[in-house]
Amino acid sequence: MQKKIDIKSMSLGSALAAAVMLCVAAATTNREPDRSAPTTGENQMERVTGIGGVFFKAREPKKMAAWYRDHLGIQSKGGYADFVWREKDNPERTGHTAWALFPTNSSYFGSSAAPMMINYRVPNLDRILAQLRAAGVAVEKVQDEDYGRFAWITDPEGNRIELWEPKAK
């Protein structure tokens, strides 16, 4: 008996797989530093340092979690997985990348209709927020948690972005 293929689920899965592959490619590609922006002194531009998490909406989160477990080996609990890794320049220090499924009616994505949200790690949330505000980007809210500080913004195409400054160890 053949299973009926859900095109939307396949599209969502394909989009997530493409995003993960792009992140891996970007993280492993040797590139010359971008010299177009200041890199020293008080005019230094704050930058994202990595991906802190990938979050996406699912009509049936439990079934999606099972699909990702069965086909990609992602072992999640309650639709959440934590990928632990070591920093390249500081191998004794570990980092985390979250992966999470949310129901389609979740308010966590704010007013964005996009089915995915990326969490970007930043070294100094206050400085990057000041930089964003100075450029006219609206900051939705800032929130402190035991594991770091968060803020949310929306890009020009309506995608909600989560910024995360991990708690200092």
Protein backbone atom coordinates (compact mmCIF):
# COMPACT_ATOMS: atom_id res chain seq x y z
CA MET A 1 0.00 0.00 0.00
CA GLN A 2 1.44 3.40 -0.99
CA LYS A 3 1.24 6.30 1.42
CA LYS A 4 -0.26 9.54 0.16
CA ILE A 5 2.50 12.16 -0.06
CA ASP A 6 1.69 15.47 1.62
CA ILE A 7 3.19 18.11 -0.71
CA LYS A 8 3.19 20.81 1.98
CA SER A 9 5.07 18.57 4.40
CA MET A 10 7.56 17.66 1.69
CA SER A 11 8.02 21.34 0.84
CA LEU A 12 8.55 22.25 4.49
CA GLY A 13 10.99 19.37 4.92
CA SER A 14 12.84 20.34 1.76
CA ALA A 15 13.03 23.97 2.84
CA LEU A 16 14.42 23.00 6.25
CA ALA A 17 16.94 20.62 4.70
CA ALA A 18 18.07 23.35 2.29
CA ALA A 19 18.42 25.84 5.15
CA VAL A 20 20.48 23.36 7.19
CA MET A 21 22.72 22.59 4.20
CA LEU A 22 23.28 26.32 3.56
CA CYS A 23 24.17 26.84 7.23
CA VAL A 24 26.65 23.94 7.17
CA ALA A 25 28.16 25.18 3.91
CA ALA A 26 28.49 28.71 5.26
CA ALA A 27 30.06 27.48 8.49
CA THR A 28 32.61 25.27 6.74
CA THR A 29 33.59 27.51 3.82
CA ASN A 30 36.84 29.42 4.09
CA ARG A 31 36.19 33.00 3.12
CA GLU A 32 38.19 36.17 3.16
CA PRO A 33 37.02 38.54 5.91
CA ASP A 34 34.53 41.20 4.82
CA ARG A 35 36.58 44.38 4.82
CA SER A 36 33.71 46.60 3.73
CA ALA A 37 32.67 47.37 7.32
CA PRO A 38 34.84 48.67 10.15
CA THR A 39 36.41 45.85 12.16
CA THR A 40 38.21 47.74 14.93
CA GLY A 41 37.58 50.60 17.27
CA GLU A 42 34.31 51.98 18.56
CA ASN A 43 32.74 52.00 15.08
CA GLN A 44 32.90 48.19 14.89
CA MET A 45 29.76 46.70 13.41
CA GLU A 46 28.07 44.09 15.59
CA ARG A 47 27.52 40.86 13.71
CA VAL A 48 25.75 37.55 14.07
CA THR A 49 28.18 34.83 15.18
CA GLY A 50 26.12 31.76 14.27
CA ILE A 51 22.79 29.99 14.24
CA GLY A 52 21.28 29.52 17.68
CA GLY A 53 18.19 27.70 16.49
CA VAL A 54 15.81 26.76 13.72
CA PHE A 55 12.11 26.86 14.53
CA PHE A 56 9.22 25.98 12.27
CA LYS A 57 5.49 25.52 12.33
CA ALA A 58 3.85 22.18 11.71
CA ARG A 59 0.18 21.25 11.34
CA GLU A 60 0.88 18.03 13.23
CA PRO A 61 4.01 18.54 15.37
CA LYS A 62 4.04 14.97 16.76
CA LYS A 63 3.88 13.43 13.28
CA MET A 64 6.55 15.83 12.01
CA ALA A 65 8.81 14.97 14.96
CA ALA A 66 8.38 11.28 14.12
CA TRP A 67 9.19 11.96 10.44
CA TYR A 68 12.40 13.83 11.33
CA ARG A 69 13.34 11.08 13.80
CA ASP A 70 12.68 8.26 11.31
CA HIS A 71 14.18 9.90 8.23
CA LEU A 72 16.90 12.24 9.50
CA GLY A 73 17.67 10.81 12.94
CA ILE A 74 16.68 13.95 14.87
CA GLN A 75 15.83 12.75 18.36
CA SER A 76 13.49 15.33 19.83
CA LYS A 77 11.49 15.47 23.04
CA GLY A 78 8.24 17.37 22.76
CA GLY A 79 9.32 18.62 19.33
CA TYR A 80 12.61 20.06 20.65
CA ALA A 81 16.19 18.92 20.00
CA ASP A 82 19.45 20.43 21.22
CA PHE A 83 22.52 20.06 19.01
CA VAL A 84 25.67 20.49 21.11
CA TRP A 85 28.93 21.45 19.44
CA ARG A 86 32.34 22.94 20.28
CA GLU A 87 33.60 26.36 19.29
CA LYS A 88 36.31 26.26 16.62
CA ASP A 89 38.56 28.87 18.25
CA ASN A 90 37.78 27.79 21.82
CA PRO A 91 37.25 23.98 21.72
CA GLU A 92 36.81 23.59 25.47
CA ARG A 93 33.67 25.71 25.22
CA THR A 94 30.44 24.11 24.01
CA GLY A 95 27.65 25.76 22.11
CA HIS A 96 24.06 24.80 21.40
CA THR A 97 21.77 25.00 18.39
CA ALA A 98 18.08 24.45 19.10
CA TRP A 99 15.68 22.76 16.69
CA ALA A 100 11.99 23.02 17.48
CA LEU A 101 8.56 22.37 16.03
CA PHE A 102 5.64 24.64 16.86
CA PRO A 103 1.93 24.24 16.14
CA THR A 104 0.72 26.41 13.25
CA ASN A 105 -1.27 28.60 15.66
CA SER A 106 1.76 29.40 17.85
CA SER A 107 2.15 33.02 18.87
CA TYR A 108 5.93 32.54 19.21
CA PHE A 109 6.41 33.70 15.61
CA GLY A 110 4.67 37.01 16.34
CA SER A 111 2.63 38.44 13.49
CA SER A 112 4.84 36.77 10.86
CA ALA A 113 3.02 34.41 8.51
CA ALA A 114 6.31 32.68 7.67
CA PRO A 115 6.46 28.99 8.63
CA MET A 116 10.04 29.27 9.94
CA MET A 117 12.08 31.46 12.25
CA ILE A 118 15.85 31.52 12.68
CA ASN A 119 17.55 32.30 15.98
CA TYR A 120 20.89 34.06 15.49
CA ARG A 121 23.59 34.10 18.18
CA VAL A 122 25.09 37.53 18.89
CA PRO A 123 27.97 38.46 21.20
CA ASN A 124 26.38 41.64 22.61
CA LEU A 125 22.62 42.05 22.35
CA ASP A 126 22.53 45.65 23.57
CA ARG A 127 25.04 46.82 20.96
CA ILE A 128 23.37 45.06 18.04
CA LEU A 129 19.95 46.37 19.14
CA ALA A 130 21.30 49.93 19.28
CA GLN A 131 22.74 49.43 15.80
CA LEU A 132 19.43 48.07 14.48
CA ARG A 133 17.38 50.87 16.08
CA ALA A 134 19.74 53.47 14.60
CA ALA A 135 19.04 51.93 11.18
CA GLY A 136 15.27 52.20 11.75
CA VAL A 137 14.62 48.53 12.58
CA ALA A 138 11.84 48.07 15.14
CA VAL A 139 12.71 45.85 18.10
CA GLU A 140 9.59 43.97 19.20
CA LYS A 141 10.75 43.05 22.70
CA VAL A 142 13.75 42.06 24.81
CA GLN A 143 13.58 39.20 27.28
CA ASP A 144 16.03 37.81 29.85
CA GLU A 145 16.15 34.07 30.58
CA ASP A 146 18.43 31.84 32.65
CA TYR A 147 20.27 30.78 29.48
CA GLY A 148 20.66 34.20 27.86
CA ARG A 149 19.01 37.35 26.54
CA PHE A 150 16.65 37.48 23.58
CA ALA A 151 15.15 40.07 21.27
CA TRP A 152 12.86 39.83 18.26
CA ILE A 153 12.86 41.82 15.03
CA THR A 154 11.22 41.38 11.63
CA ASP A 155 13.06 41.56 8.30
CA PRO A 156 11.72 43.58 5.34
CA GLU A 157 9.82 40.55 3.98
CA GLY A 158 7.97 39.88 7.23
CA ASN A 159 10.13 37.05 8.61
CA ARG A 160 10.47 37.15 12.38
CA ILE A 161 14.06 36.89 13.60
CA GLU A 162 15.13 35.92 17.11
CA LEU A 163 18.44 37.30 18.41
CA TRP A 164 20.14 35.51 21.30
CA GLU A 165 23.07 36.48 23.47
CA PRO A 166 24.01 33.29 25.33
CA LYS A 167 24.62 33.60 29.06
CA ALA A 168 28.33 34.07 29.83
CA LYS A 169 29.88 30.96 31.33
